[in-house]
Each structure stands twice: as C-alpha cells, then as structure tokens.
Amino acid sequence: MTQKVAVLGAGKIGEALLSGMIRGGWSPSRLLVTARRPDRAEELHVRYGVECVPNPEAAKAADTLILTVKPQDMAGLLGELAPHVPADRLVISGAAGIPTTFFEERLTTGTPVVRVMTNTPALVDEGMSVISAGTHAGEAHLARAEEIFGGVGKTLRVPESQQDAATALSGSGPAYFFYLVEAMTDAGILLGLPRDKAHDLIVQAAIGASTMLRDSGEHPVTLRENVTSPGGTTINAIRELENHGVRAALLAAIEAARDRSRELASGKG
C-alpha cells in the first residue's frame, strides 16, 4: 500500500475507519487525521499513532481524502480545502444526502468523487457501506473506496440515484432495530421479566435471527414460517402485528427517511 489517506473530521465513523484500516494492514504512517478540537486530535494520535494535521495540509499530502464531517459543515470544509486539492486527488464523501455534484462544483474540474453511505455497525466491523461513483470517478477509485470501507464491514455499489433509498434502508436501518429491541424489552417487562433478562433474551434472539438470515440462504418468509406453528404463539403474535399495521408503518417510515434524504440533497436543511 503506497497511498496516503486522510480522514477529515474524525468523529465516531471516522475513527472506526481509521481503526479498521490499521487492523487491515495500513501503516499509521500512511494515515492522516484532522479534528476540530486539539484534545481530540491528541487522543487519536495517542490511540492510533497517526499524524494529526490541519485540513489544508491533509489535502496537500494525501492521495485520498475522506470527508466525514456533518452535512451542514461540508460547504465550509470544501471552501477551506478547494485551493489545495488538485484534480488527481480522490475525494470520498460520507455525508448523508449530499450528491457528488455538490463536491464537483466546488473542487478542481475533473476531481474524482465517490459517495459512500455507511452505518454505525462499522464501529464493530459489521457496517454496510453503499458506494456510488461521481462523474469523474472510475473503477480504480471505486476499488480504493471498497478497500477502505471493506475494513469495517461489507460494501455494495449502487448508482447514485439509489443512494437516498440506501440511506433510508441501511444508513438509518440500525435505528429501526434498536427501536424494535426497545419495544420488545418493554413487552418483556410488561409480562413480568426483569429488564436485564428481557434485554438479554431479545438481543440473543436478534443475533441468532440475523445470523440465520445471513448464513442460511433462506428467504425471510421461509425462516419466519419455520417458527410459526399452526394455532401456536407466534401466529397469534403476527396476527396482532398485522392488525396494528406494523408492516405498513415500516414502509411509511422508510419512505419518510428516503424523502428526508432527498430534502437534504436539495439543500432543505
């Protein structure tokens, strides 16, 4: 590996990428990081041995720039970086809802931009990163993004037109599962279980179910039917879920997340 990579705005996701790359074999000497607060920069330096530098210096020195600041801070960051980013740099955006054209219009003409939406399970190397090419990004640029984000989970290429849907489904997806676990824990308490026992039961059920989905190759309908005995407890529970419109609520919720991603892309912050 000869490229030098800079992570600009190293919050939780940026730090997850740093640690994943180091575990994957990247030398800390090939990594740069920027942080708004000096104490955060020092923390990352001590923890990972990476050099912490100002944003313009990172733009000059690195072959690949990964921008992980919040969407509302992206325009300001690009204004700071633009004079220092030549067209041979790869710029990877991790900001929700911001199209690649936003970057291309603010950087040197011809700069390759790759848009990536990852999710918080990247913190435990189980992330899902959805990757799309901008106008000037080619196969080598997509492969480099896959190499970086593959260190913290799986990657999937999609056309940029599908990024808002992927954000709603995958980027926000962990929150839906956390919400469901929270509700099921409350149900366990209602039925007389202590909170810690209800939590443990549900978390292990979630881990087991997701592992079966990943490894069995079976359709989720088949897996659900395998649990659903005629006249049994599961079918009665599912009937109540259908009666209360849980499936329709999920469809509406994910559509709402998709719509919000489109609003962010259009500048309706």
C-alpha atoms as a PDB file:
ATOM      1  CA  MET A   1       0.000   0.000   0.000  1.00  0.00           C
ATOM      2  CA  THR A   2       1.612   3.263  -1.075  1.00  0.00           C
ATOM      3  CA  GLN A   3      -1.306   5.646  -0.925  1.00  0.00           C
ATOM      4  CA  LYS A   4      -1.692   8.122   1.900  1.00  0.00           C
ATOM      5  CA  VAL A   5      -5.220   8.580   3.219  1.00  0.00           C
ATOM      6  CA  ALA A   6      -6.570  11.479   5.282  1.00  0.00           C
ATOM      7  CA  VAL A   7      -9.732  11.292   7.365  1.00  0.00           C
ATOM      8  CA  LEU A   8     -11.101  14.796   7.805  1.00  0.00           C
ATOM      9  CA  GLY A   9     -13.407  15.319  10.760  1.00  0.00           C
ATOM     10  CA  ALA A  10     -12.703  12.131  12.677  1.00  0.00           C
ATOM     11  CA  GLY A  11     -15.814  11.540  14.753  1.00  0.00           C
ATOM     12  CA  LYS A  12     -17.090   8.057  15.563  1.00  0.00           C
ATOM     13  CA  ILE A  13     -17.349   6.865  11.959  1.00  0.00           C
ATOM     14  CA  GLY A  14     -14.041   8.463  11.006  1.00  0.00           C
ATOM     15  CA  GLU A  15     -12.341   6.793  13.951  1.00  0.00           C
ATOM     16  CA  ALA A  16     -13.948   3.462  13.032  1.00  0.00           C
ATOM     17  CA  LEU A  17     -12.431   3.774   9.557  1.00  0.00           C
ATOM     18  CA  LEU A  18      -9.012   4.594  10.985  1.00  0.00           C
ATOM     19  CA  SER A  19      -9.013   1.627  13.339  1.00  0.00           C
ATOM     20  CA  GLY A  20     -10.388  -0.688  10.628  1.00  0.00           C
ATOM     21  CA  MET A  21      -7.690   0.344   8.159  1.00  0.00           C
ATOM     22  CA  ILE A  22      -4.945  -0.207  10.723  1.00  0.00           C
ATOM     23  CA  ARG A  23      -6.313  -3.659  11.574  1.00  0.00           C
ATOM     24  CA  GLY A  24      -6.427  -4.355   7.833  1.00  0.00           C
ATOM     25  CA  GLY A  25      -2.699  -3.682   7.442  1.00  0.00           C
ATOM     26  CA  TRP A  26      -2.414   0.042   6.764  1.00  0.00           C
ATOM     27  CA  SER A  27       0.578   1.578   8.494  1.00  0.00           C
ATOM     28  CA  PRO A  28      -0.287   4.578  10.703  1.00  0.00           C
ATOM     29  CA  SER A  29       2.451   6.430   8.812  1.00  0.00           C
ATOM     30  CA  ARG A  30       0.192   6.292   5.730  1.00  0.00           C
ATOM     31  CA  LEU A  31      -2.754   7.832   7.570  1.00  0.00           C
ATOM     32  CA  LEU A  32      -3.531  11.436   8.434  1.00  0.00           C
ATOM     33  CA  VAL A  33      -6.388  12.759  10.502  1.00  0.00           C
ATOM     34  CA  THR A  34      -7.940  16.144  11.198  1.00  0.00           C
ATOM     35  CA  ALA A  35     -10.113  17.104  14.131  1.00  0.00           C
ATOM     36  CA  ARG A  36     -11.768  20.327  15.186  1.00  0.00           C
ATOM     37  CA  ARG A  37     -10.569  20.140  18.806  1.00  0.00           C
ATOM     38  CA  PRO A  38      -6.868  19.842  19.745  1.00  0.00           C
ATOM     39  CA  ASP A  39      -7.673  17.408  22.569  1.00  0.00           C
ATOM     40  CA  ARG A  40      -9.477  15.110  20.126  1.00  0.00           C
ATOM     41  CA  ALA A  41      -6.524  15.254  17.724  1.00  0.00           C
ATOM     42  CA  GLU A  42      -4.149  14.317  20.540  1.00  0.00           C
ATOM     43  CA  GLU A  43      -6.438  11.482  21.606  1.00  0.00           C
ATOM     44  CA  LEU A  44      -6.372   9.972  18.098  1.00  0.00           C
ATOM     45  CA  HIS A  45      -2.608  10.396  17.851  1.00  0.00           C
ATOM     46  CA  VAL A  46      -2.029   8.583  21.146  1.00  0.00           C
ATOM     47  CA  ARG A  47      -4.535   5.832  20.391  1.00  0.00           C
ATOM     48  CA  TYR A  48      -3.524   5.032  16.807  1.00  0.00           C
ATOM     49  CA  GLY A  49      -0.145   6.633  16.208  1.00  0.00           C
ATOM     50  CA  VAL A  50      -1.497   8.683  13.296  1.00  0.00           C
ATOM     51  CA  GLU A  51      -0.383  12.205  12.486  1.00  0.00           C
ATOM     52  CA  CYS A  52      -2.958  14.928  13.136  1.00  0.00           C
ATOM     53  CA  VAL A  53      -2.697  17.926  10.811  1.00  0.00           C
ATOM     54  CA  PRO A  54      -4.775  20.950   9.696  1.00  0.00           C
ATOM     55  CA  ASN A  55      -7.263  20.412   6.880  1.00  0.00           C
ATOM     56  CA  PRO A  56      -5.234  22.204   4.142  1.00  0.00           C
ATOM     57  CA  GLU A  57      -2.117  20.183   4.994  1.00  0.00           C
ATOM     58  CA  ALA A  58      -4.101  16.937   4.779  1.00  0.00           C
ATOM     59  CA  ALA A  59      -5.428  17.995   1.366  1.00  0.00           C
ATOM     60  CA  LYS A  60      -1.924  18.650   0.076  1.00  0.00           C
ATOM     61  CA  ALA A  61      -0.324  15.478   1.439  1.00  0.00           C
ATOM     62  CA  ALA A  62      -2.904  12.695   0.990  1.00  0.00           C
ATOM     63  CA  ASP A  63      -3.865  10.819  -2.171  1.00  0.00           C
ATOM     64  CA  THR A  64      -7.346  10.107  -0.794  1.00  0.00           C
ATOM     65  CA  LEU A  65      -9.456  12.471   1.305  1.00  0.00           C
ATOM     66  CA  ILE A  66     -12.338  11.006   3.314  1.00  0.00           C
ATOM     67  CA  LEU A  67     -14.726  13.741   4.422  1.00  0.00           C
ATOM     68  CA  THR A  68     -16.712  12.641   7.478  1.00  0.00           C
ATOM     69  CA  VAL A  69     -17.969  15.966   8.830  1.00  0.00           C
ATOM     70  CA  LYS A  70     -21.673  16.628   9.311  1.00  0.00           C
ATOM     71  CA  PRO A  71     -23.639  17.569   6.169  1.00  0.00           C
ATOM     72  CA  GLN A  72     -24.225  21.117   7.408  1.00  0.00           C
ATOM     73  CA  ASP A  73     -20.457  21.618   7.799  1.00  0.00           C
ATOM     74  CA  MET A  74     -19.481  20.267   4.380  1.00  0.00           C
ATOM     75  CA  ALA A  75     -19.695  23.515   2.391  1.00  0.00           C
ATOM     76  CA  GLY A  76     -17.381  25.254   4.849  1.00  0.00           C
ATOM     77  CA  LEU A  77     -14.889  22.393   4.748  1.00  0.00           C
ATOM     78  CA  LEU A  78     -14.855  22.362   0.946  1.00  0.00           C
ATOM     79  CA  GLY A  79     -14.257  26.108   0.889  1.00  0.00           C
ATOM     80  CA  GLU A  80     -11.200  25.528   3.073  1.00  0.00           C
ATOM     81  CA  LEU A  81      -9.939  22.591   1.029  1.00  0.00           C
ATOM     82  CA  ALA A  82     -10.632  23.664  -2.552  1.00  0.00           C
ATOM     83  CA  PRO A  83      -7.447  25.716  -3.125  1.00  0.00           C
ATOM     84  CA  HIS A  84      -5.329  22.751  -2.008  1.00  0.00           C
ATOM     85  CA  VAL A  85      -6.992  19.804  -3.799  1.00  0.00           C
ATOM     86  CA  PRO A  86      -5.583  19.029  -7.261  1.00  0.00           C
ATOM     87  CA  ALA A  87      -7.641  17.030  -9.737  1.00  0.00           C
ATOM     88  CA  ASP A  88      -5.688  13.823  -9.118  1.00  0.00           C
ATOM     89  CA  ARG A  89      -6.974  13.508  -5.533  1.00  0.00           C
ATOM     90  CA  LEU A  90      -9.757  11.055  -4.734  1.00  0.00           C
ATOM     91  CA  VAL A  91     -12.417  12.663  -2.550  1.00  0.00           C
ATOM     92  CA  ILE A  92     -14.732  10.317  -0.658  1.00  0.00           C
ATOM     93  CA  SER A  93     -17.821  11.812   0.965  1.00  0.00           C
ATOM     94  CA  GLY A  94     -19.541  10.151   3.895  1.00  0.00           C
ATOM     95  CA  ALA A  95     -22.200  12.839   4.301  1.00  0.00           C
ATOM     96  CA  ALA A  96     -25.849  11.832   4.074  1.00  0.00           C
ATOM     97  CA  GLY A  97     -27.926  13.383   1.335  1.00  0.00           C
ATOM     98  CA  ILE A  98     -25.184  15.371  -0.417  1.00  0.00           C
ATOM     99  CA  PRO A  99     -24.732  14.438  -4.106  1.00  0.00           C
ATOM    100  CA  THR A 100     -21.350  14.129  -5.787  1.00  0.00           C
ATOM    101  CA  THR A 101     -22.145  17.169  -7.944  1.00  0.00           C
ATOM    102  CA  PHE A 102     -22.031  19.310  -4.770  1.00  0.00           C
ATOM    103  CA  PHE A 103     -18.331  18.438  -4.435  1.00  0.00           C
ATOM    104  CA  GLU A 104     -17.521  18.517  -8.134  1.00  0.00           C
ATOM    105  CA  GLU A 105     -18.847  22.065  -8.423  1.00  0.00           C
ATOM    106  CA  ARG A 106     -16.614  23.255  -5.567  1.00  0.00           C
ATOM    107  CA  LEU A 107     -13.392  21.415  -6.380  1.00  0.00           C
ATOM    108  CA  THR A 108     -10.963  21.484  -9.313  1.00  0.00           C
ATOM    109  CA  THR A 109     -12.629  20.361 -12.538  1.00  0.00           C
ATOM    110  CA  GLY A 110     -12.124  16.646 -13.063  1.00  0.00           C
ATOM    111  CA  THR A 111     -11.681  15.725  -9.396  1.00  0.00           C
ATOM    112  CA  PRO A 112     -12.949  12.166  -8.833  1.00  0.00           C
ATOM    113  CA  VAL A 113     -15.600  11.981  -6.112  1.00  0.00           C
ATOM    114  CA  VAL A 114     -17.051   8.824  -4.586  1.00  0.00           C
ATOM    115  CA  ARG A 115     -20.108   8.951  -2.338  1.00  0.00           C
ATOM    116  CA  VAL A 116     -20.330   6.430   0.498  1.00  0.00           C
ATOM    117  CA  MET A 117     -23.108   5.898   2.999  1.00  0.00           C
ATOM    118  CA  THR A 118     -22.032   3.638   5.841  1.00  0.00           C
ATOM    119  CA  ASN A 119     -23.784   2.923   9.147  1.00  0.00           C
ATOM    120  CA  THR A 120     -22.923   2.731  12.821  1.00  0.00           C
ATOM    121  CA  PRO A 121     -22.222  -1.043  12.936  1.00  0.00           C
ATOM    122  CA  ALA A 122     -18.969  -0.028  11.251  1.00  0.00           C
ATOM    123  CA  LEU A 123     -17.899   0.632  14.849  1.00  0.00           C
ATOM    124  CA  VAL A 124     -17.888  -3.154  15.405  1.00  0.00           C
ATOM    125  CA  ASP A 125     -16.698  -4.119  11.890  1.00  0.00           C
ATOM    126  CA  GLU A 126     -20.222  -5.061  10.797  1.00  0.00           C
ATOM    127  CA  GLY A 127     -21.017  -1.971   8.777  1.00  0.00           C
ATOM    128  CA  MET A 128     -22.741  -1.779   5.409  1.00  0.00           C
ATOM    129  CA  SER A 129     -21.185   0.818   3.116  1.00  0.00           C
ATOM    130  CA  VAL A 130     -23.031   1.772  -0.075  1.00  0.00           C
ATOM    131  CA  ILE A 131     -20.722   3.212  -2.732  1.00  0.00           C
ATOM    132  CA  SER A 132     -21.509   5.375  -5.779  1.00  0.00           C
ATOM    133  CA  ALA A 133     -19.241   6.989  -8.364  1.00  0.00           C
ATOM    134  CA  GLY A 134     -19.351  10.635  -9.313  1.00  0.00           C
ATOM    135  CA  THR A 135     -18.846  11.932 -12.849  1.00  0.00           C
ATOM    136  CA  HIS A 136     -15.057  11.596 -12.871  1.00  0.00           C
ATOM    137  CA  ALA A 137     -14.624   8.501 -10.665  1.00  0.00           C
ATOM    138  CA  GLY A 138     -13.581   5.280 -12.371  1.00  0.00           C
ATOM    139  CA  GLU A 139     -13.042   1.650 -11.438  1.00  0.00           C
ATOM    140  CA  ALA A 140      -9.775   2.297  -9.603  1.00  0.00           C
ATOM    141  CA  HIS A 141     -11.425   4.947  -7.433  1.00  0.00           C
ATOM    142  CA  LEU A 142     -14.340   2.669  -6.542  1.00  0.00           C
ATOM    143  CA  ALA A 143     -11.915  -0.150  -5.739  1.00  0.00           C
ATOM    144  CA  ARG A 144      -9.967   2.127  -3.409  1.00  0.00           C
ATOM    145  CA  ALA A 145     -13.171   3.097  -1.593  1.00  0.00           C
ATOM    146  CA  GLU A 146     -14.061  -0.589  -1.257  1.00  0.00           C
ATOM    147  CA  GLU A 147     -10.609  -1.339   0.137  1.00  0.00           C
ATOM    148  CA  ILE A 148     -11.008   1.334   2.802  1.00  0.00           C
ATOM    149  CA  PHE A 149     -14.601   0.693   3.835  1.00  0.00           C
ATOM    150  CA  GLY A 150     -14.252  -3.074   3.492  1.00  0.00           C
ATOM    151  CA  GLY A 151     -12.151  -2.932   6.660  1.00  0.00           C
ATOM    152  CA  VAL A 152     -15.245  -2.157   8.741  1.00  0.00           C
ATOM    153  CA  GLY A 153     -17.829  -4.430   7.106  1.00  0.00           C
ATOM    154  CA  LYS A 154     -19.364  -5.108   3.713  1.00  0.00           C
ATOM    155  CA  THR A 155     -19.600  -2.834   0.686  1.00  0.00           C
ATOM    156  CA  LEU A 156     -22.143  -2.559  -2.104  1.00  0.00           C
ATOM    157  CA  ARG A 157     -22.000  -0.490  -5.295  1.00  0.00           C
ATOM    158  CA  VAL A 158     -25.180   1.242  -6.445  1.00  0.00           C
ATOM    159  CA  PRO A 159     -25.976   4.029  -8.915  1.00  0.00           C
ATOM    160  CA  GLU A 160     -26.062   7.364  -7.141  1.00  0.00           C
ATOM    161  CA  SER A 161     -29.780   7.631  -7.953  1.00  0.00           C
ATOM    162  CA  GLN A 162     -30.312   4.820  -5.411  1.00  0.00           C
ATOM    163  CA  GLN A 163     -28.306   6.424  -2.600  1.00  0.00           C
ATOM    164  CA  ASP A 164     -31.304   8.077  -0.918  1.00  0.00           C
ATOM    165  CA  ALA A 165     -33.111   4.736  -0.769  1.00  0.00           C
ATOM    166  CA  ALA A 166     -29.974   3.036   0.570  1.00  0.00           C
ATOM    167  CA  THR A 167     -29.601   5.740   3.209  1.00  0.00           C
ATOM    168  CA  ALA A 168     -33.166   5.188   4.371  1.00  0.00           C
ATOM    169  CA  LEU A 169     -32.840   1.418   4.443  1.00  0.00           C
ATOM    170  CA  SER A 170     -29.250   0.818   5.541  1.00  0.00           C
ATOM    171  CA  GLY A 171     -27.850   4.085   6.874  1.00  0.00           C
ATOM    172  CA  SER A 172     -30.817   4.572   9.207  1.00  0.00           C
ATOM    173  CA  GLY A 173     -31.579   0.846   9.425  1.00  0.00           C
ATOM    174  CA  PRO A 174     -29.796   0.074  12.719  1.00  0.00           C
ATOM    175  CA  ALA A 175     -32.012   2.618  14.490  1.00  0.00           C
ATOM    176  CA  TYR A 176     -35.116   0.679  13.442  1.00  0.00           C
ATOM    177  CA  PHE A 177     -33.730  -2.487  15.004  1.00  0.00           C
ATOM    178  CA  PHE A 178     -32.756  -0.659  18.191  1.00  0.00           C
ATOM    179  CA  TYR A 179     -36.284   0.742  18.353  1.00  0.00           C
ATOM    180  CA  LEU A 180     -37.748  -2.738  17.938  1.00  0.00           C
ATOM    181  CA  VAL A 181     -35.493  -4.186  20.656  1.00  0.00           C
ATOM    182  CA  GLU A 182     -36.500  -1.332  22.965  1.00  0.00           C
ATOM    183  CA  ALA A 183     -40.196  -2.061  22.391  1.00  0.00           C
ATOM    184  CA  MET A 184     -39.736  -5.802  22.866  1.00  0.00           C
ATOM    185  CA  THR A 185     -37.814  -5.216  26.080  1.00  0.00           C
ATOM    186  CA  ASP A 186     -40.733  -3.162  27.386  1.00  0.00           C
ATOM    187  CA  ALA A 187     -43.042  -6.018  26.412  1.00  0.00           C
ATOM    188  CA  GLY A 188     -40.916  -8.451  28.405  1.00  0.00           C
ATOM    189  CA  ILE A 189     -41.134  -6.185  31.446  1.00  0.00           C
ATOM    190  CA  LEU A 190     -44.907  -5.973  30.981  1.00  0.00           C
ATOM    191  CA  LEU A 191     -45.022  -9.784  31.035  1.00  0.00           C
ATOM    192  CA  GLY A 192     -43.103  -9.888  34.323  1.00  0.00           C
ATOM    193  CA  LEU A 193     -39.450 -10.311  33.306  1.00  0.00           C
ATOM    194  CA  PRO A 194     -36.685  -8.179  34.842  1.00  0.00           C
ATOM    195  CA  ARG A 195     -35.308  -5.647  32.376  1.00  0.00           C
ATOM    196  CA  ASP A 196     -31.839  -7.208  32.189  1.00  0.00           C
ATOM    197  CA  LYS A 197     -33.210 -10.678  31.450  1.00  0.00           C
ATOM    198  CA  ALA A 198     -35.672  -9.348  28.860  1.00  0.00           C
ATOM    199  CA  HIS A 199     -32.826  -7.454  27.201  1.00  0.00           C
ATOM    200  CA  ASP A 200     -30.539 -10.491  27.082  1.00  0.00           C
ATOM    201  CA  LEU A 201     -33.265 -12.706  25.639  1.00  0.00           C
ATOM    202  CA  ILE A 202     -34.109 -10.262  22.869  1.00  0.00           C
ATOM    203  CA  VAL A 203     -30.531  -9.357  21.951  1.00  0.00           C
ATOM    204  CA  GLN A 204     -29.582 -13.014  21.583  1.00  0.00           C
ATOM    205  CA  ALA A 205     -32.727 -13.671  19.535  1.00  0.00           C
ATOM    206  CA  ALA A 206     -31.744 -10.772  17.268  1.00  0.00           C
ATOM    207  CA  ILE A 207     -28.158 -12.037  16.874  1.00  0.00           C
ATOM    208  CA  GLY A 208     -29.363 -15.566  16.142  1.00  0.00           C
ATOM    209  CA  ALA A 209     -32.011 -14.441  13.683  1.00  0.00           C
ATOM    210  CA  SER A 210     -29.647 -12.130  11.782  1.00  0.00           C
ATOM    211  CA  THR A 211     -27.004 -14.858  11.592  1.00  0.00           C
ATOM    212  CA  MET A 212     -29.594 -17.254  10.139  1.00  0.00           C
ATOM    213  CA  LEU A 213     -30.617 -14.638   7.585  1.00  0.00           C
ATOM    214  CA  ARG A 214     -27.002 -14.102   6.570  1.00  0.00           C
ATOM    215  CA  ASP A 215     -25.815 -17.708   6.539  1.00  0.00           C
ATOM    216  CA  SER A 216     -28.758 -19.933   5.692  1.00  0.00           C
ATOM    217  CA  GLY A 217     -29.579 -18.593   2.245  1.00  0.00           C
ATOM    218  CA  GLU A 218     -33.269 -18.911   3.107  1.00  0.00           C
ATOM    219  CA  HIS A 219     -35.875 -16.232   2.352  1.00  0.00           C
ATOM    220  CA  PRO A 220     -37.060 -14.426   5.498  1.00  0.00           C
ATOM    221  CA  VAL A 221     -40.597 -15.663   4.841  1.00  0.00           C
ATOM    222  CA  THR A 222     -39.346 -19.259   4.982  1.00  0.00           C
ATOM    223  CA  LEU A 223     -37.449 -18.622   8.208  1.00  0.00           C
ATOM    224  CA  ARG A 224     -40.499 -16.982   9.771  1.00  0.00           C
ATOM    225  CA  GLU A 225     -42.764 -19.835   8.691  1.00  0.00           C
ATOM    226  CA  ASN A 226     -40.369 -22.301  10.322  1.00  0.00           C
ATOM    227  CA  VAL A 227     -41.094 -20.627  13.671  1.00  0.00           C
ATOM    228  CA  THR A 228     -44.840 -20.300  13.075  1.00  0.00           C
ATOM    229  CA  SER A 229     -46.713 -23.425  14.158  1.00  0.00           C
ATOM    230  CA  PRO A 230     -50.441 -23.774  13.353  1.00  0.00           C
ATOM    231  CA  GLY A 231     -52.503 -22.333  16.182  1.00  0.00           C
ATOM    232  CA  GLY A 232     -49.355 -21.505  18.163  1.00  0.00           C
ATOM    233  CA  THR A 233     -47.997 -18.495  19.969  1.00  0.00           C
ATOM    234  CA  THR A 234     -46.096 -16.983  17.021  1.00  0.00           C
ATOM    235  CA  ILE A 235     -49.027 -16.843  14.612  1.00  0.00           C
ATOM    236  CA  ASN A 236     -51.124 -15.100  17.241  1.00  0.00           C
ATOM    237  CA  ALA A 237     -48.400 -12.514  17.730  1.00  0.00           C
ATOM    238  CA  ILE A 238     -48.032 -11.974  13.978  1.00  0.00           C
ATOM    239  CA  ARG A 239     -51.786 -11.530  13.627  1.00  0.00           C
ATOM    240  CA  GLU A 240     -51.608  -8.687  16.142  1.00  0.00           C
ATOM    241  CA  LEU A 241     -48.677  -7.106  14.289  1.00  0.00           C
ATOM    242  CA  GLU A 242     -50.710  -7.180  11.075  1.00  0.00           C
ATOM    243  CA  ASN A 243     -53.838  -5.881  12.838  1.00  0.00           C
ATOM    244  CA  HIS A 244     -51.852  -2.917  14.133  1.00  0.00           C
ATOM    245  CA  GLY A 245     -50.361  -2.139  10.723  1.00  0.00           C
ATOM    246  CA  VAL A 246     -46.736  -2.714  11.682  1.00  0.00           C
ATOM    247  CA  ARG A 247     -45.722  -3.659   8.129  1.00  0.00           C
ATOM    248  CA  ALA A 248     -47.405  -0.572   6.672  1.00  0.00           C
ATOM    249  CA  ALA A 249     -45.804   1.607   9.365  1.00  0.00           C
ATOM    250  CA  LEU A 250     -42.350   0.311   8.449  1.00  0.00           C
ATOM    251  CA  LEU A 251     -42.937   1.014   4.762  1.00  0.00           C
ATOM    252  CA  ALA A 252     -44.102   4.542   5.576  1.00  0.00           C
ATOM    253  CA  ALA A 253     -41.178   5.153   7.957  1.00  0.00           C
ATOM    254  CA  ILE A 254     -38.541   4.116   5.419  1.00  0.00           C
ATOM    255  CA  GLU A 255     -40.203   6.218   2.717  1.00  0.00           C
ATOM    256  CA  ALA A 256     -40.108   9.191   5.114  1.00  0.00           C
ATOM    257  CA  ALA A 257     -36.385   8.656   5.688  1.00  0.00           C
ATOM    258  CA  ARG A 258     -35.838   8.477   1.916  1.00  0.00           C
ATOM    259  CA  ASP A 259     -37.769  11.722   1.437  1.00  0.00           C
ATOM    260  CA  ARG A 260     -35.718  13.456   4.119  1.00  0.00           C
ATOM    261  CA  SER A 261     -32.512  12.362   2.399  1.00  0.00           C
ATOM    262  CA  ARG A 262     -33.793  13.947  -0.803  1.00  0.00           C
ATOM    263  CA  GLU A 263     -34.586  17.153   1.078  1.00  0.00           C
ATOM    264  CA  LEU A 264     -31.046  17.282   2.442  1.00  0.00           C
ATOM    265  CA  ALA A 265     -29.716  16.772  -1.070  1.00  0.00           C
ATOM    266  CA  SER A 266     -31.765  19.697  -2.321  1.00  0.00           C
ATOM    267  CA  GLY A 267     -30.469  21.978   0.431  1.00  0.00           C
ATOM    268  CA  LYS A 268     -33.569  21.954   2.638  1.00  0.00           C
ATOM    269  CA  GLY A 269     -31.659  21.556   5.858  1.00  0.00           C
END
